[in-house]
Every structure is written in structure tokens, then in C-alpha cells.
PDB file of N, CA and C in Angstrom:
ATOM      1  N   MET A   1     -34.857 -33.320 -42.155  1.00  0.00           N
ATOM      2  CA  MET A   1     -33.615 -32.859 -42.717  1.00  0.00           C
ATOM      3  C   MET A   1     -32.500 -33.854 -42.446  1.00  0.00           C
ATOM      4  N   THR A   2     -31.679 -33.991 -43.413  1.00  0.00           N
ATOM      5  CA  THR A   2     -30.536 -34.878 -43.227  1.00  0.00           C
ATOM      6  C   THR A   2     -29.370 -34.061 -42.697  1.00  0.00           C
ATOM      7  N   THR A   3     -28.368 -34.732 -42.277  1.00  0.00           N
ATOM      8  CA  THR A   3     -27.207 -34.044 -41.705  1.00  0.00           C
ATOM      9  C   THR A   3     -26.479 -33.209 -42.739  1.00  0.00           C
ATOM     10  N   GLU A   4     -26.502 -33.649 -43.988  1.00  0.00           N
ATOM     11  CA  GLU A   4     -25.835 -32.886 -45.052  1.00  0.00           C
ATOM     12  C   GLU A   4     -26.552 -31.568 -45.303  1.00  0.00           C
ATOM     13  N   GLU A   5     -27.885 -31.606 -45.299  1.00  0.00           N
ATOM     14  CA  GLU A   5     -28.656 -30.380 -45.511  1.00  0.00           C
ATOM     15  C   GLU A   5     -28.463 -29.421 -44.351  1.00  0.00           C
ATOM     16  N   ALA A   6     -28.386 -29.933 -43.140  1.00  0.00           N
ATOM     17  CA  ALA A   6     -28.172 -29.092 -41.959  1.00  0.00           C
ATOM     18  C   ALA A   6     -26.814 -28.427 -42.025  1.00  0.00           C
ATOM     19  N   LYS A   7     -25.787 -29.134 -42.484  1.00  0.00           N
ATOM     20  CA  LYS A   7     -24.451 -28.564 -42.616  1.00  0.00           C
ATOM     21  C   LYS A   7     -24.434 -27.446 -43.653  1.00  0.00           C
ATOM     22  N   LYS A   8     -25.167 -27.633 -44.757  1.00  0.00           N
ATOM     23  CA  LYS A   8     -25.219 -26.609 -45.793  1.00  0.00           C
ATOM     24  C   LYS A   8     -25.886 -25.345 -45.279  1.00  0.00           C
ATOM     25  N   LYS A   9     -26.980 -25.479 -44.529  1.00  0.00           N
ATOM     26  CA  LYS A   9     -27.688 -24.322 -43.999  1.00  0.00           C
ATOM     27  C   LYS A   9     -26.822 -23.569 -43.001  1.00  0.00           C
ATOM     28  N   THR A  10     -26.131 -24.294 -42.110  1.00  0.00           N
ATOM     29  CA  THR A  10     -25.279 -23.624 -41.122  1.00  0.00           C
ATOM     30  C   THR A  10     -24.089 -22.986 -41.794  1.00  0.00           C
ATOM     31  N   ALA A  11     -23.610 -23.607 -42.855  1.00  0.00           N
ATOM     32  CA  ALA A  11     -22.481 -23.041 -43.582  1.00  0.00           C
ATOM     33  C   ALA A  11     -22.892 -21.778 -44.307  1.00  0.00           C
ATOM     34  N   SER A  12     -24.088 -21.739 -44.833  1.00  0.00           N
ATOM     35  CA  SER A  12     -24.532 -20.549 -45.536  1.00  0.00           C
ATOM     36  C   SER A  12     -24.875 -19.434 -44.558  1.00  0.00           C
ATOM     37  N   ALA A  13     -25.251 -19.768 -43.339  1.00  0.00           N
ATOM     38  CA  ALA A  13     -25.589 -18.760 -42.337  1.00  0.00           C
ATOM     39  C   ALA A  13     -24.349 -18.089 -41.768  1.00  0.00           C
ATOM     40  N   GLU A  14     -23.200 -18.738 -41.868  1.00  0.00           N
ATOM     41  CA  GLU A  14     -21.968 -18.156 -41.342  1.00  0.00           C
ATOM     42  C   GLU A  14     -21.508 -17.020 -42.241  1.00  0.00           C
ATOM     43  N   PRO A  15     -20.963 -15.950 -41.659  1.00  0.00           N
ATOM     44  CA  PRO A  15     -20.475 -14.857 -42.499  1.00  0.00           C
ATOM     45  C   PRO A  15     -19.262 -15.319 -43.291  1.00  0.00           C
ATOM     46  N   THR A  16     -19.178 -14.861 -44.487  1.00  0.00           N
ATOM     47  CA  THR A  16     -18.056 -15.251 -45.335  1.00  0.00           C
ATOM     48  C   THR A  16     -16.902 -14.299 -45.131  1.00  0.00           C
ATOM     49  N   LYS A  17     -15.709 -14.803 -45.281  1.00  0.00           N
ATOM     50  CA  LYS A  17     -14.522 -13.981 -45.155  1.00  0.00           C
ATOM     51  C   LYS A  17     -14.259 -13.272 -46.458  1.00  0.00           C
ATOM     52  N   LYS A  18     -13.713 -12.073 -46.348  1.00  0.00           N
ATOM     53  CA  LYS A  18     -13.381 -11.323 -47.553  1.00  0.00           C
ATOM     54  C   LYS A  18     -12.140 -11.935 -48.171  1.00  0.00           C
ATOM     55  N   PRO A  19     -12.043 -11.879 -49.470  1.00  0.00           N
ATOM     56  CA  PRO A  19     -10.840 -12.394 -50.111  1.00  0.00           C
ATOM     57  C   PRO A  19      -9.622 -11.577 -49.708  1.00  0.00           C
ATOM     58  N   ALA A  20      -8.482 -12.196 -49.762  1.00  0.00           N
ATOM     59  CA  ALA A  20      -7.236 -11.542 -49.360  1.00  0.00           C
ATOM     60  C   ALA A  20      -6.951 -10.315 -50.204  1.00  0.00           C
ATOM     61  N   THR A  21      -7.402 -10.258 -51.442  1.00  0.00           N
ATOM     62  CA  THR A  21      -7.126  -9.112 -52.313  1.00  0.00           C
ATOM     63  C   THR A  21      -7.838  -7.859 -51.809  1.00  0.00           C
ATOM     64  N   GLU A  22      -9.065  -7.994 -51.284  1.00  0.00           N
ATOM     65  CA  GLU A  22      -9.782  -6.826 -50.759  1.00  0.00           C
ATOM     66  C   GLU A  22      -9.103  -6.295 -49.503  1.00  0.00           C
ATOM     67  N   GLU A  23      -8.608  -7.189 -48.636  1.00  0.00           N
ATOM     68  CA  GLU A  23      -7.906  -6.768 -47.426  1.00  0.00           C
ATOM     69  C   GLU A  23      -6.612  -6.071 -47.791  1.00  0.00           C
ATOM     70  N   ALA A  24      -5.953  -6.548 -48.827  1.00  0.00           N
ATOM     71  CA  ALA A  24      -4.703  -5.946 -49.266  1.00  0.00           C
ATOM     72  C   ALA A  24      -4.948  -4.552 -49.831  1.00  0.00           C
ATOM     73  N   LYS A  25      -6.111  -4.316 -50.418  1.00  0.00           N
ATOM     74  CA  LYS A  25      -6.416  -2.992 -50.965  1.00  0.00           C
ATOM     75  C   LYS A  25      -6.577  -1.967 -49.845  1.00  0.00           C
ATOM     76  N   LYS A  26      -7.144  -2.364 -48.734  1.00  0.00           N
ATOM     77  CA  LYS A  26      -7.372  -1.436 -47.634  1.00  0.00           C
ATOM     78  C   LYS A  26      -6.058  -1.011 -46.981  1.00  0.00           C
ATOM     79  N   LYS A  27      -5.142  -1.924 -46.786  1.00  0.00           N
ATOM     80  CA  LYS A  27      -3.862  -1.614 -46.149  1.00  0.00           C
ATOM     81  C   LYS A  27      -2.781  -1.560 -47.216  1.00  0.00           C
ATOM     82  N   PRO A  28      -2.118  -0.418 -47.379  1.00  0.00           N
ATOM     83  CA  PRO A  28      -1.041  -0.360 -48.360  1.00  0.00           C
ATOM     84  C   PRO A  28       0.089  -1.296 -47.953  1.00  0.00           C
ATOM     85  N   ALA A  29       0.683  -1.928 -48.928  1.00  0.00           N
ATOM     86  CA  ALA A  29       1.746  -2.891 -48.665  1.00  0.00           C
ATOM     87  C   ALA A  29       3.005  -2.180 -48.191  1.00  0.00           C
ATOM     88  N   GLY A  30       3.657  -2.733 -47.187  1.00  0.00           N
ATOM     89  CA  GLY A  30       4.930  -2.207 -46.696  1.00  0.00           C
ATOM     90  C   GLY A  30       4.792  -1.015 -45.761  1.00  0.00           C
ATOM     91  N   VAL A  31       3.590  -0.539 -45.506  1.00  0.00           N
ATOM     92  CA  VAL A  31       3.409   0.605 -44.606  1.00  0.00           C
ATOM     93  C   VAL A  31       2.895   0.074 -43.276  1.00  0.00           C
ATOM     94  N   GLU A  32       3.656   0.336 -42.228  1.00  0.00           N
ATOM     95  CA  GLU A  32       3.275  -0.083 -40.886  1.00  0.00           C
ATOM     96  C   GLU A  32       2.975   1.152 -40.061  1.00  0.00           C
ATOM     97  N   PRO A  33       2.146   1.032 -39.080  1.00  0.00           N
ATOM     98  CA  PRO A  33       1.871   2.205 -38.244  1.00  0.00           C
ATOM     99  C   PRO A  33       3.148   2.654 -37.533  1.00  0.00           C
ATOM    100  N   ALA A  34       3.300   3.968 -37.417  1.00  0.00           N
ATOM    101  CA  ALA A  34       4.509   4.524 -36.796  1.00  0.00           C
ATOM    102  C   ALA A  34       4.517   4.190 -35.312  1.00  0.00           C
ATOM    103  N   LYS A  35       5.658   3.736 -34.831  1.00  0.00           N
ATOM    104  CA  LYS A  35       5.815   3.422 -33.413  1.00  0.00           C
ATOM    105  C   LYS A  35       6.568   4.548 -32.741  1.00  0.00           C
ATOM    106  N   LYS A  36       6.221   4.796 -31.481  1.00  0.00           N
ATOM    107  CA  LYS A  36       6.912   5.817 -30.702  1.00  0.00           C
ATOM    108  C   LYS A  36       8.278   5.283 -30.296  1.00  0.00           C
ATOM    109  N   PRO A  37       9.259   6.156 -30.199  1.00  0.00           N
ATOM    110  CA  PRO A  37      10.559   5.691 -29.709  1.00  0.00           C
ATOM    111  C   PRO A  37      10.427   5.231 -28.259  1.00  0.00           C
ATOM    112  N   PRO A  38      11.277   4.315 -27.825  1.00  0.00           N
ATOM    113  CA  PRO A  38      11.148   3.762 -26.469  1.00  0.00           C
ATOM    114  C   PRO A  38      11.218   4.826 -25.378  1.00  0.00           C
ATOM    115  N   SER A  39      11.951   5.895 -25.609  1.00  0.00           N
ATOM    116  CA  SER A  39      12.075   6.921 -24.573  1.00  0.00           C
ATOM    117  C   SER A  39      10.789   7.711 -24.421  1.00  0.00           C
ATOM    118  N   ALA A  40       9.958   7.770 -25.466  1.00  0.00           N
ATOM    119  CA  ALA A  40       8.723   8.538 -25.407  1.00  0.00           C
ATOM    120  C   ALA A  40       7.596   7.768 -24.738  1.00  0.00           C
ATOM    121  N   GLU A  41       7.729   6.462 -24.623  1.00  0.00           N
ATOM    122  CA  GLU A  41       6.689   5.666 -23.994  1.00  0.00           C
ATOM    123  C   GLU A  41       6.706   5.894 -22.493  1.00  0.00           C
ATOM    124  N   PRO A  42       5.534   5.935 -21.875  1.00  0.00           N
ATOM    125  CA  PRO A  42       5.517   6.125 -20.418  1.00  0.00           C
ATOM    126  C   PRO A  42       6.120   4.917 -19.715  1.00  0.00           C
ATOM    127  N   ALA A  43       6.781   5.192 -18.621  1.00  0.00           N
ATOM    128  CA  ALA A  43       7.410   4.110 -17.860  1.00  0.00           C
ATOM    129  C   ALA A  43       6.334   3.216 -17.263  1.00  0.00           C
ATOM    130  N   LYS A  44       6.525   1.915 -17.398  1.00  0.00           N
ATOM    131  CA  LYS A  44       5.559   0.967 -16.852  1.00  0.00           C
ATOM    132  C   LYS A  44       5.815   0.800 -15.362  1.00  0.00           C
ATOM    133  N   LYS A  45       4.733   0.777 -14.609  1.00  0.00           N
ATOM    134  CA  LYS A  45       4.861   0.569 -13.176  1.00  0.00           C
ATOM    135  C   LYS A  45       5.129  -0.907 -12.923  1.00  0.00           C
ATOM    136  N   PRO A  46       6.042  -1.193 -12.014  1.00  0.00           N
ATOM    137  CA  PRO A  46       6.299  -2.604 -11.714  1.00  0.00           C
ATOM    138  C   PRO A  46       5.094  -3.232 -11.034  1.00  0.00           C
ATOM    139  N   VAL A  47       4.939  -4.493 -11.249  1.00  0.00           N
ATOM    140  CA  VAL A  47       3.853  -5.231 -10.622  1.00  0.00           C
ATOM    141  C   VAL A  47       4.081  -5.220  -9.117  1.00  0.00           C
ATOM    142  N   ALA A  48       3.012  -5.092  -8.368  1.00  0.00           N
ATOM    143  CA  ALA A  48       3.127  -5.036  -6.914  1.00  0.00           C
ATOM    144  C   ALA A  48       3.853  -6.279  -6.408  1.00  0.00           C
ATOM    145  N   GLU A  49       5.020  -6.055  -5.837  1.00  0.00           N
ATOM    146  CA  GLU A  49       5.816  -7.149  -5.309  1.00  0.00           C
ATOM    147  C   GLU A  49       5.856  -7.055  -3.794  1.00  0.00           C
ATOM    148  N   GLU A  50       6.258  -8.117  -3.179  1.00  0.00           N
ATOM    149  CA  GLU A  50       6.398  -8.117  -1.733  1.00  0.00           C
ATOM    150  C   GLU A  50       7.539  -7.185  -1.351  1.00  0.00           C
ATOM    151  N   PRO A  51       7.381  -6.464  -0.263  1.00  0.00           N
ATOM    152  CA  PRO A  51       8.475  -5.575   0.140  1.00  0.00           C
ATOM    153  C   PRO A  51       9.728  -6.373   0.474  1.00  0.00           C
ATOM    154  N   ALA A  52      10.849  -5.785   0.193  1.00  0.00           N
ATOM    155  CA  ALA A  52      12.112  -6.470   0.445  1.00  0.00           C
ATOM    156  C   ALA A  52      12.280  -6.690   1.945  1.00  0.00           C
ATOM    157  N   LYS A  53      12.661  -7.876   2.301  1.00  0.00           N
ATOM    158  CA  LYS A  53      12.860  -8.184   3.717  1.00  0.00           C
ATOM    159  C   LYS A  53      14.242  -7.730   4.136  1.00  0.00           C
ATOM    160  N   LYS A  54      14.311  -7.201   5.346  1.00  0.00           N
ATOM    161  CA  LYS A  54      15.606  -6.771   5.872  1.00  0.00           C
ATOM    162  C   LYS A  54      16.408  -7.990   6.285  1.00  0.00           C
ATOM    163  N   LYS A  55      17.687  -7.938   6.001  1.00  0.00           N
ATOM    164  CA  LYS A  55      18.555  -9.025   6.418  1.00  0.00           C
ATOM    165  C   LYS A  55      18.850  -8.865   7.899  1.00  0.00           C
ATOM    166  N   LYS A  56      18.863  -9.969   8.604  1.00  0.00           N
ATOM    167  CA  LYS A  56      19.169  -9.918  10.024  1.00  0.00           C
ATOM    168  C   LYS A  56      20.646  -9.627  10.213  1.00  0.00           C
ATOM    169  N   LYS A  57      20.911  -8.765  11.151  1.00  0.00           N
ATOM    170  CA  LYS A  57      22.282  -8.398  11.445  1.00  0.00           C
ATOM    171  C   LYS A  57      22.834  -9.428  12.428  1.00  0.00           C
ATOM    172  N   SER A  58      23.906 -10.079  12.078  1.00  0.00           N
ATOM    173  CA  SER A  58      24.468 -11.074  12.977  1.00  0.00           C
ATOM    174  C   SER A  58      25.245 -10.358  14.084  1.00  0.00           C
ATOM    175  N   VAL A  59      24.967 -10.748  15.304  1.00  0.00           N
ATOM    176  CA  VAL A  59      25.603 -10.141  16.467  1.00  0.00           C
ATOM    177  C   VAL A  59      26.669 -11.095  16.978  1.00  0.00           C
ATOM    178  N   ARG A  60      27.801 -10.551  17.233  1.00  0.00           N
ATOM    179  CA  ARG A  60      28.896 -11.384  17.730  1.00  0.00           C
ATOM    180  C   ARG A  60      28.741 -11.634  19.225  1.00  0.00           C
ATOM    181  N   VAL A  61      29.276 -12.730  19.667  1.00  0.00           N
ATOM    182  CA  VAL A  61      29.195 -13.100  21.081  1.00  0.00           C
ATOM    183  C   VAL A  61      29.927 -12.072  21.935  1.00  0.00           C
ATOM    184  N   THR A  62      30.936 -11.438  21.380  1.00  0.00           N
ATOM    185  CA  THR A  62      31.704 -10.446  22.148  1.00  0.00           C
ATOM    186  C   THR A  62      30.855  -9.235  22.517  1.00  0.00           C
ATOM    187  N   ALA A  63      29.688  -9.061  21.894  1.00  0.00           N
ATOM    188  CA  ALA A  63      28.800  -7.961  22.252  1.00  0.00           C
ATOM    189  C   ALA A  63      28.088  -8.236  23.581  1.00  0.00           C
ATOM    190  N   TYR A  64      28.008  -9.491  23.988  1.00  0.00           N
ATOM    191  CA  TYR A  64      27.294  -9.866  25.208  1.00  0.00           C
ATOM    192  C   TYR A  64      28.210 -10.214  26.388  1.00  0.00           C
ATOM    193  N   TYR A  65      29.426 -10.623  26.117  1.00  0.00           N
ATOM    194  CA  TYR A  65      30.320 -11.081  27.181  1.00  0.00           C
ATOM    195  C   TYR A  65      31.664 -10.359  27.129  1.00  0.00           C
ATOM    196  N   LYS A  66      32.282 -10.252  28.303  1.00  0.00           N
ATOM    197  CA  LYS A  66      33.625  -9.680  28.399  1.00  0.00           C
ATOM    198  C   LYS A  66      34.532 -10.750  29.011  1.00  0.00           C
ATOM    199  N   ILE A  67      35.686 -10.948  28.407  1.00  0.00           N
ATOM    200  CA  ILE A  67      36.629 -11.954  28.913  1.00  0.00           C
ATOM    201  C   ILE A  67      37.468 -11.316  30.019  1.00  0.00           C
ATOM    202  N   GLN A  68      37.482 -11.959  31.160  1.00  0.00           N
ATOM    203  CA  GLN A  68      38.253 -11.440  32.297  1.00  0.00           C
ATOM    204  C   GLN A  68      39.687 -11.964  32.244  1.00  0.00           C
ATOM    205  N   ASP A  69      40.536 -11.354  33.059  1.00  0.00           N
ATOM    206  CA  ASP A  69      41.947 -11.749  33.087  1.00  0.00           C
ATOM    207  C   ASP A  69      42.135 -13.190  33.536  1.00  0.00           C
ATOM    208  N   GLY A  70      41.316 -13.665  34.430  1.00  0.00           N
ATOM    209  CA  GLY A  70      41.455 -15.023  34.956  1.00  0.00           C
ATOM    210  C   GLY A  70      40.913 -16.083  34.007  1.00  0.00           C
ATOM    211  N   GLY A  71      40.385 -15.693  32.845  1.00  0.00           N
ATOM    212  CA  GLY A  71      39.856 -16.657  31.889  1.00  0.00           C
ATOM    213  C   GLY A  71      38.349 -16.829  31.986  1.00  0.00           C
ATOM    214  N   GLY A  72      37.704 -16.120  32.886  1.00  0.00           N
ATOM    215  CA  GLY A  72      36.250 -16.243  33.031  1.00  0.00           C
ATOM    216  C   GLY A  72      35.515 -15.258  32.122  1.00  0.00           C
ATOM    217  N   LEU A  73      34.220 -15.401  32.096  1.00  0.00           N
ATOM    218  CA  LEU A  73      33.369 -14.512  31.304  1.00  0.00           C
ATOM    219  C   LEU A  73      32.511 -13.655  32.214  1.00  0.00           C
ATOM    220  N   GLN A  74      32.279 -12.429  31.803  1.00  0.00           N
ATOM    221  CA  GLN A  74      31.409 -11.525  32.546  1.00  0.00           C
ATOM    222  C   GLN A  74      30.354 -11.019  31.570  1.00  0.00           C
ATOM    223  N   ARG A  75      29.072 -11.047  31.980  1.00  0.00           N
ATOM    224  CA  ARG A  75      28.001 -10.572  31.110  1.00  0.00           C
ATOM    225  C   ARG A  75      28.016  -9.049  31.071  1.00  0.00           C
ATOM    226  N   LYS A  76      27.884  -8.482  29.862  1.00  0.00           N
ATOM    227  CA  LYS A  76      27.867  -7.026  29.709  1.00  0.00           C
ATOM    228  C   LYS A  76      26.462  -6.461  29.914  1.00  0.00           C
ATOM    229  N   LEU A  77      25.430  -7.206  29.529  1.00  0.00           N
ATOM    230  CA  LEU A  77      24.053  -6.724  29.602  1.00  0.00           C
ATOM    231  C   LEU A  77      23.314  -7.366  30.763  1.00  0.00           C
ATOM    232  N   LYS A  78      22.210  -6.723  31.169  1.00  0.00           N
ATOM    233  CA  LYS A  78      21.385  -7.272  32.237  1.00  0.00           C
ATOM    234  C   LYS A  78      20.599  -8.470  31.723  1.00  0.00           C
ATOM    235  N   ALA A  79      20.310  -9.406  32.617  1.00  0.00           N
ATOM    236  CA  ALA A  79      19.490 -10.564  32.273  1.00  0.00           C
ATOM    237  C   ALA A  79      18.039 -10.261  32.647  1.00  0.00           C
ATOM    238  N   CYS A  80      17.111 -10.841  31.925  1.00  0.00           N
ATOM    239  CA  CYS A  80      15.682 -10.636  32.187  1.00  0.00           C
ATOM    240  C   CYS A  80      15.292 -11.397  33.454  1.00  0.00           C
ATOM    241  N   PRO A  81      14.641 -10.733  34.419  1.00  0.00           N
ATOM    242  CA  PRO A  81      14.244 -11.429  35.644  1.00  0.00           C
ATOM    243  C   PRO A  81      13.119 -12.441  35.416  1.00  0.00           C
ATOM    244  N   ARG A  82      12.309 -12.276  34.407  1.00  0.00           N
ATOM    245  CA  ARG A  82      11.219 -13.216  34.125  1.00  0.00           C
ATOM    246  C   ARG A  82      11.711 -14.438  33.353  1.00  0.00           C
ATOM    247  N   CYS A  83      12.512 -14.201  32.316  1.00  0.00           N
ATOM    248  CA  CYS A  83      12.943 -15.293  31.425  1.00  0.00           C
ATOM    249  C   CYS A  83      14.144 -16.053  31.956  1.00  0.00           C
ATOM    250  N   GLY A  84      14.971 -15.444  32.757  1.00  0.00           N
ATOM    251  CA  GLY A  84      16.126 -16.121  33.302  1.00  0.00           C
ATOM    252  C   GLY A  84      17.434 -15.596  32.731  1.00  0.00           C
ATOM    253  N   PRO A  85      18.544 -16.189  33.163  1.00  0.00           N
ATOM    254  CA  PRO A  85      19.864 -15.670  32.793  1.00  0.00           C
ATOM    255  C   PRO A  85      20.246 -15.872  31.325  1.00  0.00           C
ATOM    256  N   GLY A  86      19.513 -16.639  30.563  1.00  0.00           N
ATOM    257  CA  GLY A  86      19.850 -16.849  29.159  1.00  0.00           C
ATOM    258  C   GLY A  86      19.326 -15.769  28.227  1.00  0.00           C
ATOM    259  N   THR A  87      18.457 -14.871  28.732  1.00  0.00           N
ATOM    260  CA  THR A  87      17.854 -13.833  27.907  1.00  0.00           C
ATOM    261  C   THR A  87      18.314 -12.471  28.394  1.00  0.00           C
ATOM    262  N   PHE A  88      18.856 -11.676  27.488  1.00  0.00           N
ATOM    263  CA  PHE A  88      19.371 -10.359  27.856  1.00  0.00           C
ATOM    264  C   PHE A  88      18.331  -9.277  27.611  1.00  0.00           C
ATOM    265  N   LEU A  89      18.456  -8.173  28.357  1.00  0.00           N
ATOM    266  CA  LEU A  89      17.606  -7.007  28.163  1.00  0.00           C
ATOM    267  C   LEU A  89      18.285  -6.070  27.174  1.00  0.00           C
ATOM    268  N   ALA A  90      17.526  -5.575  26.212  1.00  0.00           N
ATOM    269  CA  ALA A  90      18.054  -4.610  25.243  1.00  0.00           C
ATOM    270  C   ALA A  90      18.104  -3.251  25.918  1.00  0.00           C
ATOM    271  N   GLU A  91      19.157  -2.503  25.642  1.00  0.00           N
ATOM    272  CA  GLU A  91      19.305  -1.196  26.272  1.00  0.00           C
ATOM    273  C   GLU A  91      18.888  -0.106  25.286  1.00  0.00           C
ATOM    274  N   HIS A  92      17.841   0.646  25.652  1.00  0.00           N
ATOM    275  CA  HIS A  92      17.367   1.777  24.876  1.00  0.00           C
ATOM    276  C   HIS A  92      17.759   3.058  25.615  1.00  0.00           C
ATOM    277  N   TYR A  93      17.477   4.216  25.021  1.00  0.00           N
ATOM    278  CA  TYR A  93      17.896   5.469  25.657  1.00  0.00           C
ATOM    279  C   TYR A  93      17.152   5.755  26.953  1.00  0.00           C
ATOM    280  N   ASP A  94      15.931   5.236  27.116  1.00  0.00           N
ATOM    281  CA  ASP A  94      15.159   5.514  28.321  1.00  0.00           C
ATOM    282  C   ASP A  94      14.736   4.267  29.097  1.00  0.00           C
ATOM    283  N   ARG A  95      15.110   3.069  28.622  1.00  0.00           N
ATOM    284  CA  ARG A  95      14.645   1.854  29.283  1.00  0.00           C
ATOM    285  C   ARG A  95      15.493   0.646  28.887  1.00  0.00           C
ATOM    286  N   PHE A  96      15.335  -0.446  29.655  1.00  0.00           N
ATOM    287  CA  PHE A  96      15.862  -1.765  29.311  1.00  0.00           C
ATOM    288  C   PHE A  96      14.630  -2.608  28.989  1.00  0.00           C
ATOM    289  N   SER A  97      14.644  -3.386  27.913  1.00  0.00           N
ATOM    290  CA  SER A  97      13.465  -4.172  27.577  1.00  0.00           C
ATOM    291  C   SER A  97      13.855  -5.566  27.104  1.00  0.00           C
ATOM    292  N   CYS A  98      12.946  -6.507  27.364  1.00  0.00           N
ATOM    293  CA  CYS A  98      13.134  -7.893  26.942  1.00  0.00           C
ATOM    294  C   CYS A  98      12.302  -8.114  25.677  1.00  0.00           C
ATOM    295  N   GLY A  99      12.922  -8.621  24.633  1.00  0.00           N
ATOM    296  CA  GLY A  99      12.211  -8.875  23.393  1.00  0.00           C
ATOM    297  C   GLY A  99      11.400 -10.152  23.420  1.00  0.00           C
ATOM    298  N   LYS A 100      11.640 -10.996  24.399  1.00  0.00           N
ATOM    299  CA  LYS A 100      10.957 -12.281  24.473  1.00  0.00           C
ATOM    300  C   LYS A 100       9.620 -12.167  25.210  1.00  0.00           C
ATOM    301  N   CYS A 101       9.634 -11.559  26.382  1.00  0.00           N
ATOM    302  CA  CYS A 101       8.407 -11.503  27.185  1.00  0.00           C
ATOM    303  C   CYS A 101       7.804 -10.103  27.296  1.00  0.00           C
ATOM    304  N   GLY A 102       8.558  -9.054  26.913  1.00  0.00           N
ATOM    305  CA  GLY A 102       8.032  -7.697  26.951  1.00  0.00           C
ATOM    306  C   GLY A 102       8.317  -6.952  28.245  1.00  0.00           C
ATOM    307  N   TYR A 103       9.067  -7.548  29.134  1.00  0.00           N
ATOM    308  CA  TYR A 103       9.421  -6.896  30.400  1.00  0.00           C
ATOM    309  C   TYR A 103      10.215  -5.620  30.109  1.00  0.00           C
ATOM    310  N   ALA A 104       9.965  -4.555  30.885  1.00  0.00           N
ATOM    311  CA  ALA A 104      10.689  -3.296  30.688  1.00  0.00           C
ATOM    312  C   ALA A 104      11.054  -2.687  32.034  1.00  0.00           C
ATOM    313  N   GLU A 105      12.271  -2.169  32.131  1.00  0.00           N
ATOM    314  CA  GLU A 105      12.737  -1.395  33.278  1.00  0.00           C
ATOM    315  C   GLU A 105      13.062  -0.006  32.750  1.00  0.00           C
ATOM    316  N   PHE A 106      12.480   1.016  33.343  1.00  0.00           N
ATOM    317  CA  PHE A 106      12.715   2.374  32.875  1.00  0.00           C
ATOM    318  C   PHE A 106      13.881   3.000  33.623  1.00  0.00           C
ATOM    319  N   LYS A 107      14.690   3.751  32.889  1.00  0.00           N
ATOM    320  CA  LYS A 107      15.818   4.464  33.485  1.00  0.00           C
ATOM    321  C   LYS A 107      15.283   5.743  34.094  1.00  0.00           C
ATOM    322  N   ARG A 108      15.898   6.163  35.157  1.00  0.00           N
ATOM    323  CA  ARG A 108      15.494   7.425  35.777  1.00  0.00           C
ATOM    324  C   ARG A 108      16.163   8.579  35.055  1.00  0.00           C
ATOM    325  N   ALA A 109      15.465   9.685  34.990  1.00  0.00           N
ATOM    326  CA  ALA A 109      16.019  10.873  34.346  1.00  0.00           C
ATOM    327  C   ALA A 109      17.122  11.455  35.225  1.00  0.00           C
ATOM    328  N   LYS A 110      18.070  12.157  34.635  1.00  0.00           N
ATOM    329  CA  LYS A 110      19.188  12.752  35.376  1.00  0.00           C
ATOM    330  C   LYS A 110      18.702  13.756  36.401  1.00  0.00           C
ATOM    331  N   GLU A 111      17.612  14.456  36.082  1.00  0.00           N
ATOM    332  CA  GLU A 111      17.080  15.449  37.003  1.00  0.00           C
ATOM    333  C   GLU A 111      16.559  14.798  38.278  1.00  0.00           C
ATOM    334  N   GLU A 112      15.965  13.627  38.202  1.00  0.00           N
ATOM    335  CA  GLU A 112      15.479  12.944  39.391  1.00  0.00           C
ATOM    336  C   GLU A 112      16.619  12.463  40.277  1.00  0.00           C
ATOM    337  N   LYS A 113      17.742  12.094  39.654  1.00  0.00           N
ATOM    338  CA  LYS A 113      18.895  11.635  40.433  1.00  0.00           C
ATOM    339  C   LYS A 113      19.498  12.779  41.230  1.00  0.00           C
ATOM    340  N   LYS A 114      19.477  14.004  40.672  1.00  0.00           N
ATOM    341  CA  LYS A 114      20.068  15.152  41.344  1.00  0.00           C
ATOM    342  C   LYS A 114      19.221  15.605  42.527  1.00  0.00           C
ATOM    343  N   GLY A 115      17.911  15.311  42.469  1.00  0.00           N
ATOM    344  CA  GLY A 115      17.057  15.680  43.576  1.00  0.00           C
ATOM    345  C   GLY A 115      16.439  17.056  43.394  1.00  0.00           C
ATOM    346  N   THR A 116      16.463  17.625  42.215  1.00  0.00           N
ATOM    347  CA  THR A 116      15.846  18.934  41.988  1.00  0.00           C
ATOM    348  C   THR A 116      14.521  18.845  41.343  1.00  0.00           C
TER     349      THR A 116
END
């Protein structure tokens, strides 16, 4: 077989397309399928996004130090005994804790202080 004969056979084996007039007969001209109004369509779920990150709250230096009358500074919070004087302990309702090393000091309950 020559290449021309092979092309003819493959061309004849391919399905033929219908003429445009037959397709036009099936679908009436100017009639489109009815679309639902936008309010009737179900709300699309947003694509899974990363959760919004919380913005860090900036803490002022005045939250950690008190200015004395003589011009000196006094620390308001306790310093961590493990990390040193540069790291403060956070004050919670029942304990003081260090966010750097995990050290914790627990506060005593009022009942224990009274001795009852």
C-alpha cells in the first residue's frame, strides 16, 4: 500500500460530521436553555484556605518597667530563674510561667495562706 491509499482508508474509517443544517434542525434557533436566577443557585463553598493568622499584639515597654522618681527603672514582672534577668515570667491566675523554657511557679490558694 502506498501512503495515499493508507490516508484514504483512514479517512473513510473516521466518522463523518453531520452537516450544519441537520444540527440546526435539532436545536431551534434563538432558544437557549433557561438559566436559574443567581439567588436560586446554591452558594459555592470557598476553596479550603489557610486559616487566618492572628496578628501579634505589640506590647509597650511600659508594661514591663516602672520609672522611679530618681530616674531609675524598676521591673514590674518577675524574671525567670533559669533564663536570667532578660526573660520575664507571664502572670496567670494560678501560676507564673516562662514562655521560653517552660519554667512555672504556682501561686498558693488563699485558703492555704489563711491556715484553714
